[in-house]
Amino acid sequence: MPQLNPAPWFAILIFSWLVFLIVLPPKVIAHTFPNEPTLQSAEKPQTNSWTWPWQ
């Protein structure tokens, strides 16, 4: 089984991590959603208890 020279593989590893950590995050953060969520009111809706006919 041949032994691999670690020099080119280490450079590929470092370059791929640089791409993942420097190039991709700004592209992901710059993504905006077309529909921004709207804030709901802090007031809780009025809930009524059920009236069961058999109780």
PDB file of N, CA and C in Angstrom:
ATOM      1  N   MET A   1       0.842  -1.174   0.000  1.00  0.00           N
ATOM      2  CA  MET A   1       0.000   0.000   0.000  1.00  0.00           C
ATOM      3  C   MET A   1       0.891   1.243   0.000  1.00  0.00           C
ATOM      4  N   PRO A   2       0.712   2.141  -0.975  1.00  0.00           N
ATOM      5  CA  PRO A   2       1.611   3.299  -1.066  1.00  0.00           C
ATOM      6  C   PRO A   2       1.322   4.320   0.031  1.00  0.00           C
ATOM      7  N   GLN A   3       2.364   4.961   0.464  1.00  0.00           N
ATOM      8  CA  GLN A   3       2.243   6.024   1.456  1.00  0.00           C
ATOM      9  C   GLN A   3       1.998   7.342   0.740  1.00  0.00           C
ATOM     10  N   LEU A   4       1.069   8.150   1.265  1.00  0.00           N
ATOM     11  CA  LEU A   4       0.767   9.427   0.648  1.00  0.00           C
ATOM     12  C   LEU A   4       1.624  10.524   1.249  1.00  0.00           C
ATOM     13  N   ASN A   5       2.029  11.434   0.401  1.00  0.00           N
ATOM     14  CA  ASN A   5       2.776  12.596   0.861  1.00  0.00           C
ATOM     15  C   ASN A   5       1.792  13.559   1.515  1.00  0.00           C
ATOM     16  N   PRO A   6       1.970  13.934   2.800  1.00  0.00           N
ATOM     17  CA  PRO A   6       0.978  14.765   3.478  1.00  0.00           C
ATOM     18  C   PRO A   6       0.973  16.229   3.029  1.00  0.00           C
ATOM     19  N   ALA A   7       1.986  16.676   2.353  1.00  0.00           N
ATOM     20  CA  ALA A   7       2.082  18.099   2.000  1.00  0.00           C
ATOM     21  C   ALA A   7       0.915  18.573   1.138  1.00  0.00           C
ATOM     22  N   PRO A   8       0.579  17.942   0.006  1.00  0.00           N
ATOM     23  CA  PRO A   8      -0.541  18.479  -0.779  1.00  0.00           C
ATOM     24  C   PRO A   8      -1.886  18.307  -0.071  1.00  0.00           C
ATOM     25  N   TRP A   9      -2.069  17.248   0.709  1.00  0.00           N
ATOM     26  CA  TRP A   9      -3.339  17.022   1.384  1.00  0.00           C
ATOM     27  C   TRP A   9      -3.549  18.016   2.506  1.00  0.00           C
ATOM     28  N   PHE A  10      -2.462  18.391   3.170  1.00  0.00           N
ATOM     29  CA  PHE A  10      -2.576  19.396   4.221  1.00  0.00           C
ATOM     30  C   PHE A  10      -2.939  20.754   3.622  1.00  0.00           C
ATOM     31  N   ALA A  11      -2.370  21.086   2.482  1.00  0.00           N
ATOM     32  CA  ALA A  11      -2.700  22.357   1.815  1.00  0.00           C
ATOM     33  C   ALA A  11      -4.161  22.355   1.359  1.00  0.00           C
ATOM     34  N   ILE A  12      -4.647  21.234   0.861  1.00  0.00           N
ATOM     35  CA  ILE A  12      -6.046  21.135   0.448  1.00  0.00           C
ATOM     36  C   ILE A  12      -6.951  21.277   1.657  1.00  0.00           C
ATOM     37  N   LEU A  13      -6.597  20.669   2.784  1.00  0.00           N
ATOM     38  CA  LEU A  13      -7.383  20.782   4.007  1.00  0.00           C
ATOM     39  C   LEU A  13      -7.455  22.241   4.473  1.00  0.00           C
ATOM     40  N   ILE A  14      -6.322  22.924   4.501  1.00  0.00           N
ATOM     41  CA  ILE A  14      -6.292  24.323   4.945  1.00  0.00           C
ATOM     42  C   ILE A  14      -7.086  25.205   3.992  1.00  0.00           C
ATOM     43  N   PHE A  15      -6.944  25.002   2.695  1.00  0.00           N
ATOM     44  CA  PHE A  15      -7.671  25.816   1.724  1.00  0.00           C
ATOM     45  C   PHE A  15      -9.182  25.593   1.829  1.00  0.00           C
ATOM     46  N   SER A  16      -9.592  24.348   2.020  1.00  0.00           N
ATOM     47  CA  SER A  16     -11.028  24.089   2.133  1.00  0.00           C
ATOM     48  C   SER A  16     -11.593  24.723   3.396  1.00  0.00           C
ATOM     49  N   TRP A  17     -10.859  24.682   4.519  1.00  0.00           N
ATOM     50  CA  TRP A  17     -11.332  25.338   5.739  1.00  0.00           C
ATOM     51  C   TRP A  17     -11.377  26.847   5.576  1.00  0.00           C
ATOM     52  N   LEU A  18     -10.424  27.412   4.842  1.00  0.00           N
ATOM     53  CA  LEU A  18     -10.469  28.857   4.586  1.00  0.00           C
ATOM     54  C   LEU A  18     -11.711  29.217   3.784  1.00  0.00           C
ATOM     55  N   VAL A  19     -12.073  28.395   2.835  1.00  0.00           N
ATOM     56  CA  VAL A  19     -13.284  28.652   2.058  1.00  0.00           C
ATOM     57  C   VAL A  19     -14.499  28.583   2.961  1.00  0.00           C
ATOM     58  N   PHE A  20     -14.565  27.556   3.805  1.00  0.00           N
ATOM     59  CA  PHE A  20     -15.727  27.408   4.682  1.00  0.00           C
ATOM     60  C   PHE A  20     -15.823  28.516   5.717  1.00  0.00           C
ATOM     61  N   LEU A  21     -14.705  29.003   6.219  1.00  0.00           N
ATOM     62  CA  LEU A  21     -14.735  29.969   7.310  1.00  0.00           C
ATOM     63  C   LEU A  21     -14.682  31.427   6.872  1.00  0.00           C
ATOM     64  N   ILE A  22     -14.221  31.700   5.653  1.00  0.00           N
ATOM     65  CA  ILE A  22     -14.075  33.096   5.212  1.00  0.00           C
ATOM     66  C   ILE A  22     -15.040  33.442   4.086  1.00  0.00           C
ATOM     67  N   VAL A  23     -15.176  32.589   3.121  1.00  0.00           N
ATOM     68  CA  VAL A  23     -15.971  32.917   1.933  1.00  0.00           C
ATOM     69  C   VAL A  23     -17.451  32.644   2.144  1.00  0.00           C
ATOM     70  N   LEU A  24     -17.807  31.516   2.713  1.00  0.00           N
ATOM     71  CA  LEU A  24     -19.215  31.124   2.802  1.00  0.00           C
ATOM     72  C   LEU A  24     -20.042  31.876   3.841  1.00  0.00           C
ATOM     73  N   PRO A  25     -19.562  32.161   5.063  1.00  0.00           N
ATOM     74  CA  PRO A  25     -20.429  32.829   6.047  1.00  0.00           C
ATOM     75  C   PRO A  25     -21.008  34.161   5.597  1.00  0.00           C
ATOM     76  N   PRO A  26     -20.244  35.065   4.961  1.00  0.00           N
ATOM     77  CA  PRO A  26     -20.884  36.305   4.499  1.00  0.00           C
ATOM     78  C   PRO A  26     -21.985  36.061   3.471  1.00  0.00           C
ATOM     79  N   LYS A  27     -21.815  35.053   2.636  1.00  0.00           N
ATOM     80  CA  LYS A  27     -22.856  34.756   1.652  1.00  0.00           C
ATOM     81  C   LYS A  27     -24.119  34.249   2.331  1.00  0.00           C
ATOM     82  N   VAL A  28     -23.957  33.449   3.374  1.00  0.00           N
ATOM     83  CA  VAL A  28     -25.119  32.925   4.085  1.00  0.00           C
ATOM     84  C   VAL A  28     -25.790  34.024   4.900  1.00  0.00           C
ATOM     85  N   ILE A  29     -25.002  34.877   5.543  1.00  0.00           N
ATOM     86  CA  ILE A  29     -25.560  35.948   6.362  1.00  0.00           C
ATOM     87  C   ILE A  29     -26.270  36.984   5.496  1.00  0.00           C
ATOM     88  N   ALA A  30     -25.806  37.186   4.277  1.00  0.00           N
ATOM     89  CA  ALA A  30     -26.409  38.184   3.395  1.00  0.00           C
ATOM     90  C   ALA A  30     -27.766  37.743   2.858  1.00  0.00           C
ATOM     91  N   HIS A  31     -28.111  36.483   3.046  1.00  0.00           N
ATOM     92  CA  HIS A  31     -29.394  35.990   2.549  1.00  0.00           C
ATOM     93  C   HIS A  31     -30.530  36.616   3.355  1.00  0.00           C
ATOM     94  N   THR A  32     -31.513  37.153   2.663  1.00  0.00           N
ATOM     95  CA  THR A  32     -32.669  37.728   3.344  1.00  0.00           C
ATOM     96  C   THR A  32     -33.916  36.950   2.935  1.00  0.00           C
ATOM     97  N   PHE A  33     -34.825  36.834   3.849  1.00  0.00           N
ATOM     98  CA  PHE A  33     -36.076  36.152   3.581  1.00  0.00           C
ATOM     99  C   PHE A  33     -37.064  37.141   2.988  1.00  0.00           C
ATOM    100  N   PRO A  34     -37.890  36.738   2.030  1.00  0.00           N
ATOM    101  CA  PRO A  34     -38.834  37.675   1.425  1.00  0.00           C
ATOM    102  C   PRO A  34     -39.925  38.136   2.391  1.00  0.00           C
ATOM    103  N   ASN A  35     -40.294  37.313   3.335  1.00  0.00           N
ATOM    104  CA  ASN A  35     -41.345  37.675   4.289  1.00  0.00           C
ATOM    105  C   ASN A  35     -40.748  37.726   5.682  1.00  0.00           C
ATOM    106  N   GLU A  36     -40.556  38.923   6.182  1.00  0.00           N
ATOM    107  CA  GLU A  36     -40.040  39.074   7.533  1.00  0.00           C
ATOM    108  C   GLU A  36     -41.157  38.752   8.527  1.00  0.00           C
ATOM    109  N   PRO A  37     -40.836  38.100   9.630  1.00  0.00           N
ATOM    110  CA  PRO A  37     -41.881  37.776  10.605  1.00  0.00           C
ATOM    111  C   PRO A  37     -42.390  39.049  11.284  1.00  0.00           C
ATOM    112  N   THR A  38     -43.677  39.082  11.540  1.00  0.00           N
ATOM    113  CA  THR A  38     -44.266  40.229  12.212  1.00  0.00           C
ATOM    114  C   THR A  38     -44.382  39.928  13.702  1.00  0.00           C
ATOM    115  N   LEU A  39     -44.250  40.957  14.511  1.00  0.00           N
ATOM    116  CA  LEU A  39     -44.349  40.775  15.946  1.00  0.00           C
ATOM    117  C   LEU A  39     -45.803  40.633  16.357  1.00  0.00           C
ATOM    118  N   GLN A  40     -46.060  39.709  17.256  1.00  0.00           N
ATOM    119  CA  GLN A  40     -47.413  39.531  17.759  1.00  0.00           C
ATOM    120  C   GLN A  40     -47.591  40.401  18.996  1.00  0.00           C
ATOM    121  N   SER A  41     -48.819  40.714  19.281  1.00  0.00           N
ATOM    122  CA  SER A  41     -49.086  41.550  20.448  1.00  0.00           C
ATOM    123  C   SER A  41     -48.797  40.762  21.729  1.00  0.00           C
ATOM    124  N   ALA A  42     -48.427  41.493  22.774  1.00  0.00           N
ATOM    125  CA  ALA A  42     -48.106  40.854  24.042  1.00  0.00           C
ATOM    126  C   ALA A  42     -49.363  40.439  24.793  1.00  0.00           C
ATOM    127  N   GLU A  43     -50.511  40.929  24.363  1.00  0.00           N
ATOM    128  CA  GLU A  43     -51.768  40.597  25.033  1.00  0.00           C
ATOM    129  C   GLU A  43     -52.179  39.172  24.678  1.00  0.00           C
ATOM    130  N   LYS A  44     -52.518  38.394  25.715  1.00  0.00           N
ATOM    131  CA  LYS A  44     -52.923  37.014  25.482  1.00  0.00           C
ATOM    132  C   LYS A  44     -54.366  36.982  24.993  1.00  0.00           C
ATOM    133  N   PRO A  45     -54.675  36.104  24.072  1.00  0.00           N
ATOM    134  CA  PRO A  45     -56.062  36.017  23.601  1.00  0.00           C
ATOM    135  C   PRO A  45     -56.975  35.460  24.699  1.00  0.00           C
ATOM    136  N   GLN A  46     -58.210  35.905  24.678  1.00  0.00           N
ATOM    137  CA  GLN A  46     -59.184  35.448  25.665  1.00  0.00           C
ATOM    138  C   GLN A  46     -59.632  34.032  25.315  1.00  0.00           C
ATOM    139  N   THR A  47     -59.471  33.129  26.259  1.00  0.00           N
ATOM    140  CA  THR A  47     -59.908  31.748  26.035  1.00  0.00           C
ATOM    141  C   THR A  47     -61.065  31.437  26.971  1.00  0.00           C
ATOM    142  N   ASN A  48     -62.026  30.717  26.465  1.00  0.00           N
ATOM    143  CA  ASN A  48     -63.193  30.316  27.253  1.00  0.00           C
ATOM    144  C   ASN A  48     -63.110  28.829  27.541  1.00  0.00           C
ATOM    145  N   SER A  49     -63.530  28.453  28.728  1.00  0.00           N
ATOM    146  CA  SER A  49     -63.531  27.033  29.047  1.00  0.00           C
ATOM    147  C   SER A  49     -64.694  26.351  28.347  1.00  0.00           C
ATOM    148  N   TRP A  50     -64.521  25.071  28.084  1.00  0.00           N
ATOM    149  CA  TRP A  50     -65.556  24.324  27.390  1.00  0.00           C
ATOM    150  C   TRP A  50     -66.664  23.954  28.386  1.00  0.00           C
ATOM    151  N   THR A  51     -67.856  23.957  27.913  1.00  0.00           N
ATOM    152  CA  THR A  51     -68.972  23.485  28.736  1.00  0.00           C
ATOM    153  C   THR A  51     -69.416  22.131  28.185  1.00  0.00           C
ATOM    154  N   TRP A  52     -69.074  21.081  28.935  1.00  0.00           N
ATOM    155  CA  TRP A  52     -69.387  19.743  28.501  1.00  0.00           C
ATOM    156  C   TRP A  52     -70.828  19.405  28.919  1.00  0.00           C
ATOM    157  N   PRO A  53     -71.652  18.897  28.028  1.00  0.00           N
ATOM    158  CA  PRO A  53     -73.034  18.630  28.387  1.00  0.00           C
ATOM    159  C   PRO A  53     -73.202  17.462  29.355  1.00  0.00           C
ATOM    160  N   TRP A  54     -72.263  16.558  29.474  1.00  0.00           N
ATOM    161  CA  TRP A  54     -72.446  15.382  30.335  1.00  0.00           C
ATOM    162  C   TRP A  54     -71.872  15.588  31.720  1.00  0.00           C
ATOM    163  N   GLN A  55     -71.399  16.775  32.050  1.00  0.00           N
ATOM    164  CA  GLN A  55     -70.878  16.986  33.404  1.00  0.00           C
ATOM    165  C   GLN A  55     -71.746  17.930  34.163  1.00  0.00           C
TER     166      GLN A  55
END
